[in-house]
């Protein structure tokens, strides 16, 4: 039984490392999202982020329809973009990536709220 700790240590040391996602891979994919309004209403939506010709692009899907994201930008673990909407005007979204989840906020000229998401 004395060999068990040494064998366990060797198994951990020899196990292949799981690479952390880096670059655009941190944010690309499909995300199930939920925004919360100031009055506590939850609004589900989907964020699709792709890499196209070395740059980020994407869209959102919600009950209001599909809309492209504008000026997507990834700085470290912070991803931001905006959309011009008929209801709220320009809405800016800023999120902090936490692996396969994120937390952040959204704001327009009139109101603001929080947003959470999980990669599908």
PDB file of N, CA and C in Angstrom:
ATOM      1  N   UNK A   1       0.811  -1.197   0.000  1.00  0.00           N
ATOM      2  CA  UNK A   1       0.000   0.000   0.000  1.00  0.00           C
ATOM      3  C   UNK A   1       0.852   1.259   0.000  1.00  0.00           C
ATOM      4  N   UNK A   2       2.161   1.144   0.291  1.00  0.00           N
ATOM      5  CA  UNK A   2       3.026   2.307   0.311  1.00  0.00           C
ATOM      6  C   UNK A   2       3.202   2.883  -1.087  1.00  0.00           C
ATOM      7  N   UNK A   3       3.010   2.104  -2.087  1.00  0.00           N
ATOM      8  CA  UNK A   3       3.209   2.580  -3.454  1.00  0.00           C
ATOM      9  C   UNK A   3       2.021   3.375  -3.986  1.00  0.00           C
ATOM     10  N   UNK A   4       0.873   3.313  -3.332  1.00  0.00           N
ATOM     11  CA  UNK A   4      -0.333   3.999  -3.822  1.00  0.00           C
ATOM     12  C   UNK A   4      -0.137   5.512  -3.975  1.00  0.00           C
ATOM     13  N   UNK A   5       0.395   6.243  -2.976  1.00  0.00           N
ATOM     14  CA  UNK A   5       0.572   7.680  -3.168  1.00  0.00           C
ATOM     15  C   UNK A   5       1.524   7.985  -4.324  1.00  0.00           C
ATOM     16  N   UNK A   6       2.587   7.223  -4.470  1.00  0.00           N
ATOM     17  CA  UNK A   6       3.537   7.453  -5.555  1.00  0.00           C
ATOM     18  C   UNK A   6       2.890   7.158  -6.903  1.00  0.00           C
ATOM     19  N   UNK A   7       2.097   6.097  -6.979  1.00  0.00           N
ATOM     20  CA  UNK A   7       1.421   5.755  -8.233  1.00  0.00           C
ATOM     21  C   UNK A   7       0.404   6.835  -8.596  1.00  0.00           C
ATOM     22  N   UNK A   8      -0.325   7.338  -7.600  1.00  0.00           N
ATOM     23  CA  UNK A   8      -1.297   8.389  -7.843  1.00  0.00           C
ATOM     24  C   UNK A   8      -0.601   9.657  -8.332  1.00  0.00           C
ATOM     25  N   UNK A   9       0.507  10.020  -7.714  1.00  0.00           N
ATOM     26  CA  UNK A   9       1.267  11.193  -8.123  1.00  0.00           C
ATOM     27  C   UNK A   9       1.759  11.033  -9.557  1.00  0.00           C
ATOM     28  N   UNK A  10       2.253   9.863  -9.908  1.00  0.00           N
ATOM     29  CA  UNK A  10       2.732   9.617 -11.272  1.00  0.00           C
ATOM     30  C   UNK A  10       1.579   9.710 -12.273  1.00  0.00           C
ATOM     31  N   UNK A  11       0.416   9.197 -11.915  1.00  0.00           N
ATOM     32  CA  UNK A  11      -0.738   9.253 -12.807  1.00  0.00           C
ATOM     33  C   UNK A  11      -1.130  10.700 -13.080  1.00  0.00           C
ATOM     34  N   UNK A  12      -1.079  11.528 -12.058  1.00  0.00           N
ATOM     35  CA  UNK A  12      -1.423  12.937 -12.226  1.00  0.00           C
ATOM     36  C   UNK A  12      -0.371  13.646 -13.071  1.00  0.00           C
ATOM     37  N   UNK A  13       0.895  13.392 -12.807  1.00  0.00           N
ATOM     38  CA  UNK A  13       1.985  14.034 -13.544  1.00  0.00           C
ATOM     39  C   UNK A  13       1.988  13.603 -15.008  1.00  0.00           C
ATOM     40  N   UNK A  14       1.699  12.350 -15.267  1.00  0.00           N
ATOM     41  CA  UNK A  14       1.770  11.812 -16.620  1.00  0.00           C
ATOM     42  C   UNK A  14       0.485  12.033 -17.425  1.00  0.00           C
ATOM     43  N   UNK A  15      -0.587  12.444 -16.771  1.00  0.00           N
ATOM     44  CA  UNK A  15      -1.852  12.650 -17.480  1.00  0.00           C
ATOM     45  C   UNK A  15      -1.696  13.798 -18.468  1.00  0.00           C
ATOM     46  N   UNK A  16      -2.320  13.675 -19.640  1.00  0.00           N
ATOM     47  CA  UNK A  16      -2.220  14.772 -20.609  1.00  0.00           C
ATOM     48  C   UNK A  16      -2.917  16.010 -20.082  1.00  0.00           C
ATOM     49  N   UNK A  17      -2.293  17.127 -20.309  1.00  0.00           N
ATOM     50  CA  UNK A  17      -2.881  18.391 -19.871  1.00  0.00           C
ATOM     51  C   UNK A  17      -4.029  18.766 -20.795  1.00  0.00           C
ATOM     52  N   UNK A  18      -5.063  19.325 -20.215  1.00  0.00           N
ATOM     53  CA  UNK A  18      -6.178  19.837 -21.000  1.00  0.00           C
ATOM     54  C   UNK A  18      -5.872  21.299 -21.280  1.00  0.00           C
ATOM     55  N   UNK A  19      -5.663  21.652 -22.543  1.00  0.00           N
ATOM     56  CA  UNK A  19      -5.277  23.025 -22.829  1.00  0.00           C
ATOM     57  C   UNK A  19      -6.406  24.003 -22.528  1.00  0.00           C
ATOM     58  N   UNK A  20      -6.049  25.119 -21.934  1.00  0.00           N
ATOM     59  CA  UNK A  20      -7.028  26.176 -21.692  1.00  0.00           C
ATOM     60  C   UNK A  20      -7.323  26.855 -23.019  1.00  0.00           C
ATOM     61  N   UNK A  21      -8.557  27.286 -23.198  1.00  0.00           N
ATOM     62  CA  UNK A  21      -8.885  27.982 -24.424  1.00  0.00           C
ATOM     63  C   UNK A  21      -8.224  29.345 -24.405  1.00  0.00           C
ATOM     64  N   UNK A  22      -7.638  29.692 -25.530  1.00  0.00           N
ATOM     65  CA  UNK A  22      -6.958  30.967 -25.639  1.00  0.00           C
ATOM     66  C   UNK A  22      -7.461  31.702 -26.870  1.00  0.00           C
ATOM     67  N   UNK A  23      -7.103  32.955 -26.965  1.00  0.00           N
ATOM     68  CA  UNK A  23      -7.484  33.740 -28.126  1.00  0.00           C
ATOM     69  C   UNK A  23      -8.984  33.774 -28.313  1.00  0.00           C
ATOM     70  N   UNK A  24      -9.404  33.814 -29.576  1.00  0.00           N
ATOM     71  CA  UNK A  24     -10.823  33.891 -29.896  1.00  0.00           C
ATOM     72  C   UNK A  24     -11.591  32.662 -29.453  1.00  0.00           C
ATOM     73  N   UNK A  25     -10.895  31.518 -29.286  1.00  0.00           N
ATOM     74  CA  UNK A  25     -11.560  30.295 -28.843  1.00  0.00           C
ATOM     75  C   UNK A  25     -12.228  30.432 -27.485  1.00  0.00           C
ATOM     76  N   UNK A  26     -11.797  31.419 -26.694  1.00  0.00           N
ATOM     77  CA  UNK A  26     -12.428  31.653 -25.389  1.00  0.00           C
ATOM     78  C   UNK A  26     -13.895  32.016 -25.535  1.00  0.00           C
ATOM     79  N   UNK A  27     -14.233  32.684 -26.641  1.00  0.00           N
ATOM     80  CA  UNK A  27     -15.586  33.241 -26.762  1.00  0.00           C
ATOM     81  C   UNK A  27     -16.376  32.650 -27.928  1.00  0.00           C
ATOM     82  N   UNK A  28     -15.711  32.045 -28.914  1.00  0.00           N
ATOM     83  CA  UNK A  28     -16.456  31.535 -30.062  1.00  0.00           C
ATOM     84  C   UNK A  28     -17.347  30.372 -29.649  1.00  0.00           C
ATOM     85  N   UNK A  29     -18.478  30.271 -30.314  1.00  0.00           N
ATOM     86  CA  UNK A  29     -19.434  29.211 -30.030  1.00  0.00           C
ATOM     87  C   UNK A  29     -20.826  29.780 -29.827  1.00  0.00           C
ATOM     88  N   UNK A  30     -21.702  28.930 -29.356  1.00  0.00           N
ATOM     89  CA  UNK A  30     -23.085  29.313 -29.093  1.00  0.00           C
ATOM     90  C   UNK A  30     -23.314  29.343 -27.593  1.00  0.00           C
ATOM     91  N   UNK A  31     -23.888  30.410 -27.124  1.00  0.00           N
ATOM     92  CA  UNK A  31     -24.102  30.649 -25.704  1.00  0.00           C
ATOM     93  C   UNK A  31     -25.596  30.829 -25.426  1.00  0.00           C
ATOM     94  N   UNK A  32     -26.111  30.126 -24.437  1.00  0.00           N
ATOM     95  CA  UNK A  32     -27.470  30.343 -23.937  1.00  0.00           C
ATOM     96  C   UNK A  32     -27.366  31.460 -22.903  1.00  0.00           C
ATOM     97  N   UNK A  33     -28.106  32.518 -23.089  1.00  0.00           N
ATOM     98  CA  UNK A  33     -27.970  33.704 -22.248  1.00  0.00           C
ATOM     99  C   UNK A  33     -29.292  34.067 -21.579  1.00  0.00           C
ATOM    100  N   UNK A  34     -29.159  34.822 -20.515  1.00  0.00           N
ATOM    101  CA  UNK A  34     -30.322  35.333 -19.807  1.00  0.00           C
ATOM    102  C   UNK A  34     -29.992  36.734 -19.294  1.00  0.00           C
ATOM    103  N   UNK A  35     -30.742  37.708 -19.762  1.00  0.00           N
ATOM    104  CA  UNK A  35     -30.586  39.078 -19.270  1.00  0.00           C
ATOM    105  C   UNK A  35     -31.670  39.349 -18.249  1.00  0.00           C
ATOM    106  N   UNK A  36     -31.324  40.138 -17.256  1.00  0.00           N
ATOM    107  CA  UNK A  36     -32.285  40.541 -16.241  1.00  0.00           C
ATOM    108  C   UNK A  36     -32.474  42.054 -16.330  1.00  0.00           C
ATOM    109  N   UNK A  37     -33.722  42.468 -16.405  1.00  0.00           N
ATOM    110  CA  UNK A  37     -34.043  43.888 -16.506  1.00  0.00           C
ATOM    111  C   UNK A  37     -34.067  44.510 -15.113  1.00  0.00           C
ATOM    112  N   UNK A  38     -34.078  45.837 -15.026  1.00  0.00           N
ATOM    113  CA  UNK A  38     -34.123  46.492 -13.712  1.00  0.00           C
ATOM    114  C   UNK A  38     -35.325  46.084 -12.865  1.00  0.00           C
ATOM    115  N   UNK A  39     -36.438  45.718 -13.514  1.00  0.00           N
ATOM    116  CA  UNK A  39     -37.621  45.312 -12.747  1.00  0.00           C
ATOM    117  C   UNK A  39     -37.636  43.815 -12.448  1.00  0.00           C
ATOM    118  N   UNK A  40     -36.522  43.122 -12.738  1.00  0.00           N
ATOM    119  CA  UNK A  40     -36.393  41.712 -12.379  1.00  0.00           C
ATOM    120  C   UNK A  40     -36.877  40.729 -13.421  1.00  0.00           C
ATOM    121  N   UNK A  41     -37.284  41.198 -14.576  1.00  0.00           N
ATOM    122  CA  UNK A  41     -37.748  40.299 -15.636  1.00  0.00           C
ATOM    123  C   UNK A  41     -36.558  39.623 -16.304  1.00  0.00           C
ATOM    124  N   UNK A  42     -36.651  38.297 -16.482  1.00  0.00           N
ATOM    125  CA  UNK A  42     -35.603  37.531 -17.172  1.00  0.00           C
ATOM    126  C   UNK A  42     -35.944  37.419 -18.652  1.00  0.00           C
ATOM    127  N   UNK A  43     -34.952  37.681 -19.492  1.00  0.00           N
ATOM    128  CA  UNK A  43     -35.136  37.623 -20.941  1.00  0.00           C
ATOM    129  C   UNK A  43     -34.118  36.635 -21.514  1.00  0.00           C
ATOM    130  N   UNK A  44     -34.578  35.459 -21.978  1.00  0.00           N
ATOM    131  CA  UNK A  44     -33.652  34.488 -22.566  1.00  0.00           C
ATOM    132  C   UNK A  44     -33.291  34.883 -24.001  1.00  0.00           C
ATOM    133  N   UNK A  45     -32.057  34.591 -24.390  1.00  0.00           N
ATOM    134  CA  UNK A  45     -31.599  34.841 -25.745  1.00  0.00           C
ATOM    135  C   UNK A  45     -30.364  33.988 -26.017  1.00  0.00           C
ATOM    136  N   UNK A  46     -29.940  33.962 -27.245  1.00  0.00           N
ATOM    137  CA  UNK A  46     -28.791  33.159 -27.656  1.00  0.00           C
ATOM    138  C   UNK A  46     -27.762  34.071 -28.306  1.00  0.00           C
ATOM    139  N   UNK A  47     -26.491  33.846 -27.977  1.00  0.00           N
ATOM    140  CA  UNK A  47     -25.377  34.575 -28.577  1.00  0.00           C
ATOM    141  C   UNK A  47     -24.549  33.590 -29.390  1.00  0.00           C
ATOM    142  N   UNK A  48     -24.324  33.904 -30.660  1.00  0.00           N
ATOM    143  CA  UNK A  48     -23.487  33.074 -31.527  1.00  0.00           C
ATOM    144  C   UNK A  48     -22.286  33.915 -31.919  1.00  0.00           C
ATOM    145  N   UNK A  49     -21.085  33.445 -31.568  1.00  0.00           N
ATOM    146  CA  UNK A  49     -19.855  34.162 -31.882  1.00  0.00           C
ATOM    147  C   UNK A  49     -18.993  33.267 -32.764  1.00  0.00           C
ATOM    148  N   UNK A  50     -18.537  33.828 -33.879  1.00  0.00           N
ATOM    149  CA  UNK A  50     -17.668  33.090 -34.797  1.00  0.00           C
ATOM    150  C   UNK A  50     -16.407  33.901 -35.053  1.00  0.00           C
ATOM    151  N   UNK A  51     -15.399  33.220 -35.591  1.00  0.00           N
ATOM    152  CA  UNK A  51     -14.209  33.904 -36.075  1.00  0.00           C
ATOM    153  C   UNK A  51     -14.263  33.847 -37.590  1.00  0.00           C
ATOM    154  N   UNK A  52     -14.189  35.010 -38.223  1.00  0.00           N
ATOM    155  CA  UNK A  52     -14.283  35.106 -39.674  1.00  0.00           C
ATOM    156  C   UNK A  52     -13.115  35.945 -40.175  1.00  0.00           C
ATOM    157  N   UNK A  53     -12.238  35.299 -40.942  1.00  0.00           N
ATOM    158  CA  UNK A  53     -11.056  35.967 -41.479  1.00  0.00           C
ATOM    159  C   UNK A  53     -10.224  36.614 -40.380  1.00  0.00           C
ATOM    160  N   UNK A  54     -10.076  35.893 -39.263  1.00  0.00           N
ATOM    161  CA  UNK A  54      -9.261  36.359 -38.150  1.00  0.00           C
ATOM    162  C   UNK A  54      -9.917  37.369 -37.236  1.00  0.00           C
ATOM    163  N   UNK A  55     -11.165  37.718 -37.517  1.00  0.00           N
ATOM    164  CA  UNK A  55     -11.872  38.693 -36.690  1.00  0.00           C
ATOM    165  C   UNK A  55     -13.128  38.058 -36.115  1.00  0.00           C
ATOM    166  N   UNK A  56     -13.568  38.586 -34.974  1.00  0.00           N
ATOM    167  CA  UNK A  56     -14.789  38.102 -34.354  1.00  0.00           C
ATOM    168  C   UNK A  56     -16.012  38.704 -35.036  1.00  0.00           C
ATOM    169  N   UNK A  57     -17.062  37.908 -35.122  1.00  0.00           N
ATOM    170  CA  UNK A  57     -18.350  38.340 -35.679  1.00  0.00           C
ATOM    171  C   UNK A  57     -19.414  37.521 -34.973  1.00  0.00           C
ATOM    172  N   UNK A  58     -20.667  37.818 -35.240  1.00  0.00           N
ATOM    173  CA  UNK A  58     -21.709  37.004 -34.635  1.00  0.00           C
ATOM    174  C   UNK A  58     -23.066  37.656 -34.681  1.00  0.00           C
ATOM    175  N   UNK A  59     -23.978  37.045 -33.929  1.00  0.00           N
ATOM    176  CA  UNK A  59     -25.352  37.524 -33.892  1.00  0.00           C
ATOM    177  C   UNK A  59     -26.009  37.075 -32.597  1.00  0.00           C
ATOM    178  N   UNK A  60     -27.175  37.643 -32.349  1.00  0.00           N
ATOM    179  CA  UNK A  60     -27.999  37.198 -31.236  1.00  0.00           C
ATOM    180  C   UNK A  60     -29.338  36.730 -31.795  1.00  0.00           C
ATOM    181  N   UNK A  61     -29.957  35.807 -31.075  1.00  0.00           N
ATOM    182  CA  UNK A  61     -31.298  35.343 -31.411  1.00  0.00           C
ATOM    183  C   UNK A  61     -32.158  35.473 -30.159  1.00  0.00           C
ATOM    184  N   UNK A  62     -33.326  36.086 -30.329  1.00  0.00           N
ATOM    185  CA  UNK A  62     -34.245  36.270 -29.215  1.00  0.00           C
ATOM    186  C   UNK A  62     -35.667  36.244 -29.760  1.00  0.00           C
ATOM    187  N   UNK A  63     -36.664  36.335 -28.886  1.00  0.00           N
ATOM    188  CA  UNK A  63     -38.038  36.406 -29.379  1.00  0.00           C
ATOM    189  C   UNK A  63     -38.252  37.588 -30.338  1.00  0.00           C
ATOM    190  N   UNK A  64     -37.412  38.620 -30.248  1.00  0.00           N
ATOM    191  CA  UNK A  64     -37.525  39.781 -31.128  1.00  0.00           C
ATOM    192  C   UNK A  64     -36.893  39.535 -32.492  1.00  0.00           C
ATOM    193  N   UNK A  65     -36.187  38.404 -32.659  1.00  0.00           N
ATOM    194  CA  UNK A  65     -35.572  38.084 -33.941  1.00  0.00           C
ATOM    195  C   UNK A  65     -34.068  37.945 -33.851  1.00  0.00           C
ATOM    196  N   UNK A  66     -33.432  37.806 -35.000  1.00  0.00           N
ATOM    197  CA  UNK A  66     -31.977  37.671 -35.086  1.00  0.00           C
ATOM    198  C   UNK A  66     -31.390  39.020 -35.464  1.00  0.00           C
ATOM    199  N   UNK A  67     -30.273  39.353 -34.826  1.00  0.00           N
ATOM    200  CA  UNK A  67     -29.648  40.649 -35.057  1.00  0.00           C
ATOM    201  C   UNK A  67     -28.123  40.483 -34.978  1.00  0.00           C
ATOM    202  N   UNK A  68     -27.366  41.088 -35.909  1.00  0.00           N
ATOM    203  CA  UNK A  68     -25.904  40.981 -35.846  1.00  0.00           C
ATOM    204  C   UNK A  68     -25.337  41.764 -34.663  1.00  0.00           C
ATOM    205  N   UNK A  69     -24.205  41.294 -34.146  1.00  0.00           N
ATOM    206  CA  UNK A  69     -23.501  42.062 -33.122  1.00  0.00           C
ATOM    207  C   UNK A  69     -22.514  42.983 -33.834  1.00  0.00           C
ATOM    208  N   UNK A  70     -22.276  44.144 -33.237  1.00  0.00           N
ATOM    209  CA  UNK A  70     -21.386  45.145 -33.816  1.00  0.00           C
ATOM    210  C   UNK A  70     -20.169  45.339 -32.926  1.00  0.00           C
ATOM    211  N   UNK A  71     -19.030  45.552 -33.548  1.00  0.00           N
ATOM    212  CA  UNK A  71     -17.778  45.852 -32.857  1.00  0.00           C
ATOM    213  C   UNK A  71     -17.432  44.832 -31.760  1.00  0.00           C
ATOM    214  N   UNK A  72     -17.502  43.523 -32.064  1.00  0.00           N
ATOM    215  CA  UNK A  72     -17.131  42.542 -31.042  1.00  0.00           C
ATOM    216  C   UNK A  72     -15.644  42.657 -30.718  1.00  0.00           C
ATOM    217  N   UNK A  73     -15.335  42.661 -29.435  1.00  0.00           N
ATOM    218  CA  UNK A  73     -13.955  42.854 -29.003  1.00  0.00           C
ATOM    219  C   UNK A  73     -13.661  41.975 -27.794  1.00  0.00           C
ATOM    220  N   UNK A  74     -12.541  41.258 -27.863  1.00  0.00           N
ATOM    221  CA  UNK A  74     -12.094  40.413 -26.759  1.00  0.00           C
ATOM    222  C   UNK A  74     -10.775  40.949 -26.242  1.00  0.00           C
ATOM    223  N   UNK A  75     -10.757  41.340 -24.964  1.00  0.00           N
ATOM    224  CA  UNK A  75      -9.540  41.806 -24.291  1.00  0.00           C
ATOM    225  C   UNK A  75      -9.350  40.949 -23.063  1.00  0.00           C
ATOM    226  N   UNK A  76      -8.415  40.015 -23.133  1.00  0.00           N
ATOM    227  CA  UNK A  76      -8.224  39.080 -22.031  1.00  0.00           C
ATOM    228  C   UNK A  76      -9.457  38.208 -21.900  1.00  0.00           C
ATOM    229  N   UNK A  77     -10.126  38.282 -20.755  1.00  0.00           N
ATOM    230  CA  UNK A  77     -11.345  37.513 -20.507  1.00  0.00           C
ATOM    231  C   UNK A  77     -12.604  38.364 -20.627  1.00  0.00           C
ATOM    232  N   UNK A  78     -12.471  39.588 -21.122  1.00  0.00           N
ATOM    233  CA  UNK A  78     -13.610  40.492 -21.237  1.00  0.00           C
ATOM    234  C   UNK A  78     -14.013  40.622 -22.708  1.00  0.00           C
ATOM    235  N   UNK A  79     -15.273  40.297 -22.985  1.00  0.00           N
ATOM    236  CA  UNK A  79     -15.829  40.373 -24.336  1.00  0.00           C
ATOM    237  C   UNK A  79     -16.923  41.421 -24.344  1.00  0.00           C
ATOM    238  N   UNK A  80     -16.916  42.269 -25.366  1.00  0.00           N
ATOM    239  CA  UNK A  80     -17.944  43.303 -25.455  1.00  0.00           C
ATOM    240  C   UNK A  80     -18.403  43.458 -26.901  1.00  0.00           C
ATOM    241  N   UNK A  81     -19.619  43.950 -27.043  1.00  0.00           N
ATOM    242  CA  UNK A  81     -20.184  44.263 -28.345  1.00  0.00           C
ATOM    243  C   UNK A  81     -21.376  45.178 -28.118  1.00  0.00           C
ATOM    244  N   UNK A  82     -21.924  45.693 -29.220  1.00  0.00           N
ATOM    245  CA  UNK A  82     -23.167  46.452 -29.102  1.00  0.00           C
ATOM    246  C   UNK A  82     -24.104  46.068 -30.229  1.00  0.00           C
ATOM    247  N   UNK A  83     -25.363  46.442 -30.051  1.00  0.00           N
ATOM    248  CA  UNK A  83     -26.404  46.263 -31.054  1.00  0.00           C
ATOM    249  C   UNK A  83     -27.296  47.490 -31.040  1.00  0.00           C
ATOM    250  N   UNK A  84     -27.734  47.882 -32.218  1.00  0.00           N
ATOM    251  CA  UNK A  84     -28.727  48.945 -32.317  1.00  0.00           C
ATOM    252  C   UNK A  84     -30.089  48.280 -32.426  1.00  0.00           C
ATOM    253  N   UNK A  85     -30.965  48.565 -31.461  1.00  0.00           N
ATOM    254  CA  UNK A  85     -32.274  47.916 -31.415  1.00  0.00           C
ATOM    255  C   UNK A  85     -33.384  48.947 -31.534  1.00  0.00           C
ATOM    256  N   UNK A  86     -34.529  48.547 -32.091  1.00  0.00           N
ATOM    257  CA  UNK A  86     -35.648  49.492 -32.193  1.00  0.00           C
ATOM    258  C   UNK A  86     -36.227  49.883 -30.833  1.00  0.00           C
ATOM    259  N   UNK A  87     -36.174  48.961 -29.858  1.00  0.00           N
ATOM    260  CA  UNK A  87     -36.796  49.218 -28.557  1.00  0.00           C
ATOM    261  C   UNK A  87     -35.928  50.086 -27.643  1.00  0.00           C
ATOM    262  N   UNK A  88     -34.634  49.778 -27.565  1.00  0.00           N
ATOM    263  CA  UNK A  88     -33.763  50.442 -26.588  1.00  0.00           C
ATOM    264  C   UNK A  88     -32.684  51.313 -27.217  1.00  0.00           C
ATOM    265  N   UNK A  89     -32.637  51.392 -28.543  1.00  0.00           N
ATOM    266  CA  UNK A  89     -31.541  52.113 -29.185  1.00  0.00           C
ATOM    267  C   UNK A  89     -30.283  51.268 -29.102  1.00  0.00           C
ATOM    268  N   UNK A  90     -29.149  51.886 -28.895  1.00  0.00           N
ATOM    269  CA  UNK A  90     -27.888  51.143 -28.806  1.00  0.00           C
ATOM    270  C   UNK A  90     -27.778  50.460 -27.446  1.00  0.00           C
ATOM    271  N   UNK A  91     -27.590  49.149 -27.480  1.00  0.00           N
ATOM    272  CA  UNK A  91     -27.406  48.347 -26.270  1.00  0.00           C
ATOM    273  C   UNK A  91     -25.983  47.801 -26.293  1.00  0.00           C
ATOM    274  N   UNK A  92     -25.236  48.094 -25.239  1.00  0.00           N
ATOM    275  CA  UNK A  92     -23.862  47.622 -25.102  1.00  0.00           C
ATOM    276  C   UNK A  92     -23.836  46.472 -24.108  1.00  0.00           C
ATOM    277  N   UNK A  93     -23.147  45.399 -24.470  1.00  0.00           N
ATOM    278  CA  UNK A  93     -23.016  44.218 -23.611  1.00  0.00           C
ATOM    279  C   UNK A  93     -21.542  44.021 -23.299  1.00  0.00           C
ATOM    280  N   UNK A  94     -21.217  43.859 -22.023  1.00  0.00           N
ATOM    281  CA  UNK A  94     -19.849  43.588 -21.584  1.00  0.00           C
ATOM    282  C   UNK A  94     -19.900  42.405 -20.637  1.00  0.00           C
ATOM    283  N   UNK A  95     -19.143  41.362 -20.971  1.00  0.00           N
ATOM    284  CA  UNK A  95     -19.164  40.150 -20.159  1.00  0.00           C
ATOM    285  C   UNK A  95     -17.742  39.730 -19.783  1.00  0.00           C
ATOM    286  N   UNK A  96     -17.634  39.035 -18.673  1.00  0.00           N
ATOM    287  CA  UNK A  96     -16.379  38.427 -18.251  1.00  0.00           C
ATOM    288  C   UNK A  96     -16.520  36.922 -18.418  1.00  0.00           C
ATOM    289  N   UNK A  97     -15.646  36.349 -19.220  1.00  0.00           N
ATOM    290  CA  UNK A  97     -15.669  34.910 -19.486  1.00  0.00           C
ATOM    291  C   UNK A  97     -15.094  34.147 -18.299  1.00  0.00           C
ATOM    292  N   UNK A  98     -15.794  33.092 -17.904  1.00  0.00           N
ATOM    293  CA  UNK A  98     -15.386  32.244 -16.779  1.00  0.00           C
ATOM    294  C   UNK A  98     -15.391  30.798 -17.269  1.00  0.00           C
ATOM    295  N   UNK A  99     -14.543  30.500 -18.264  1.00  0.00           N
ATOM    296  CA  UNK A  99     -14.555  29.170 -18.871  1.00  0.00           C
ATOM    297  C   UNK A  99     -15.750  29.039 -19.787  1.00  0.00           C
ATOM    298  N   UNK A 100     -16.643  28.104 -19.459  1.00  0.00           N
ATOM    299  CA  UNK A 100     -17.838  27.889 -20.274  1.00  0.00           C
ATOM    300  C   UNK A 100     -19.061  28.630 -19.755  1.00  0.00           C
ATOM    301  N   UNK A 101     -18.851  29.615 -18.902  1.00  0.00           N
ATOM    302  CA  UNK A 101     -19.926  30.488 -18.436  1.00  0.00           C
ATOM    303  C   UNK A 101     -19.430  31.929 -18.513  1.00  0.00           C
ATOM    304  N   UNK A 102     -20.345  32.865 -18.362  1.00  0.00           N
ATOM    305  CA  UNK A 102     -19.949  34.260 -18.256  1.00  0.00           C
ATOM    306  C   UNK A 102     -20.951  35.018 -17.411  1.00  0.00           C
ATOM    307  N   UNK A 103     -20.506  36.157 -16.925  1.00  0.00           N
ATOM    308  CA  UNK A 103     -21.347  37.096 -16.187  1.00  0.00           C
ATOM    309  C   UNK A 103     -21.017  38.487 -16.681  1.00  0.00           C
ATOM    310  N   UNK A 104     -21.996  39.355 -16.680  1.00  0.00           N
ATOM    311  CA  UNK A 104     -21.713  40.703 -17.124  1.00  0.00           C
ATOM    312  C   UNK A 104     -22.903  41.617 -17.015  1.00  0.00           C
ATOM    313  N   UNK A 105     -22.893  42.644 -17.862  1.00  0.00           N
ATOM    314  CA  UNK A 105     -23.954  43.637 -17.816  1.00  0.00           C
ATOM    315  C   UNK A 105     -24.289  44.108 -19.227  1.00  0.00           C
ATOM    316  N   UNK A 106     -25.459  44.714 -19.324  1.00  0.00           N
ATOM    317  CA  UNK A 106     -25.888  45.356 -20.563  1.00  0.00           C
ATOM    318  C   UNK A 106     -26.431  46.718 -20.197  1.00  0.00           C
ATOM    319  N   UNK A 107     -26.342  47.647 -21.136  1.00  0.00           N
ATOM    320  CA  UNK A 107     -26.868  48.979 -20.851  1.00  0.00           C
ATOM    321  C   UNK A 107     -27.281  49.666 -22.141  1.00  0.00           C
ATOM    322  N   UNK A 108     -28.265  50.519 -22.007  1.00  0.00           N
ATOM    323  CA  UNK A 108     -28.687  51.410 -23.081  1.00  0.00           C
ATOM    324  C   UNK A 108     -28.743  52.810 -22.480  1.00  0.00           C
ATOM    325  N   UNK A 109     -29.159  53.778 -23.261  1.00  0.00           N
ATOM    326  CA  UNK A 109     -29.258  55.136 -22.735  1.00  0.00           C
ATOM    327  C   UNK A 109     -30.296  55.235 -21.618  1.00  0.00           C
ATOM    328  N   UNK A 110     -31.329  54.362 -21.675  1.00  0.00           N
ATOM    329  CA  UNK A 110     -32.423  54.459 -20.710  1.00  0.00           C
ATOM    330  C   UNK A 110     -32.279  53.523 -19.508  1.00  0.00           C
ATOM    331  N   UNK A 111     -31.861  52.297 -19.729  1.00  0.00           N
ATOM    332  CA  UNK A 111     -31.845  51.304 -18.649  1.00  0.00           C
ATOM    333  C   UNK A 111     -30.617  50.423 -18.748  1.00  0.00           C
ATOM    334  N   UNK A 112     -30.414  49.634 -17.718  1.00  0.00           N
ATOM    335  CA  UNK A 112     -29.298  48.676 -17.679  1.00  0.00           C
ATOM    336  C   UNK A 112     -29.700  47.466 -16.867  1.00  0.00           C
ATOM    337  N   UNK A 113     -28.927  46.392 -17.016  1.00  0.00           N
ATOM    338  CA  UNK A 113     -29.218  45.179 -16.270  1.00  0.00           C
ATOM    339  C   UNK A 113     -28.037  44.216 -16.315  1.00  0.00           C
ATOM    340  N   UNK A 114     -28.262  43.019 -15.851  1.00  0.00           N
ATOM    341  CA  UNK A 114     -27.207  42.014 -15.803  1.00  0.00           C
ATOM    342  C   UNK A 114     -27.455  40.945 -16.862  1.00  0.00           C
ATOM    343  N   UNK A 115     -26.407  40.201 -17.159  1.00  0.00           N
ATOM    344  CA  UNK A 115     -26.507  39.106 -18.124  1.00  0.00           C
ATOM    345  C   UNK A 115     -25.610  37.963 -17.660  1.00  0.00           C
ATOM    346  N   UNK A 116     -26.095  36.737 -17.871  1.00  0.00           N
ATOM    347  CA  UNK A 116     -25.325  35.531 -17.580  1.00  0.00           C
ATOM    348  C   UNK A 116     -25.464  34.613 -18.776  1.00  0.00           C
ATOM    349  N   UNK A 117     -24.492  33.746 -18.965  1.00  0.00           N
ATOM    350  CA  UNK A 117     -24.568  32.828 -20.086  1.00  0.00           C
ATOM    351  C   UNK A 117     -23.780  31.561 -19.844  1.00  0.00           C
ATOM    352  N   UNK A 118     -24.116  30.552 -20.643  1.00  0.00           N
ATOM    353  CA  UNK A 118     -23.442  29.265 -20.582  1.00  0.00           C
ATOM    354  C   UNK A 118     -23.263  28.744 -21.998  1.00  0.00           C
ATOM    355  N   UNK A 119     -22.049  28.295 -22.288  1.00  0.00           N
ATOM    356  CA  UNK A 119     -21.743  27.768 -23.620  1.00  0.00           C
ATOM    357  C   UNK A 119     -22.514  26.465 -23.839  1.00  0.00           C
ATOM    358  N   UNK A 120     -23.108  26.326 -25.029  1.00  0.00           N
ATOM    359  CA  UNK A 120     -23.828  25.096 -25.366  1.00  0.00           C
ATOM    360  C   UNK A 120     -22.829  24.030 -25.746  1.00  0.00           C
TER     361      UNK A 120
END
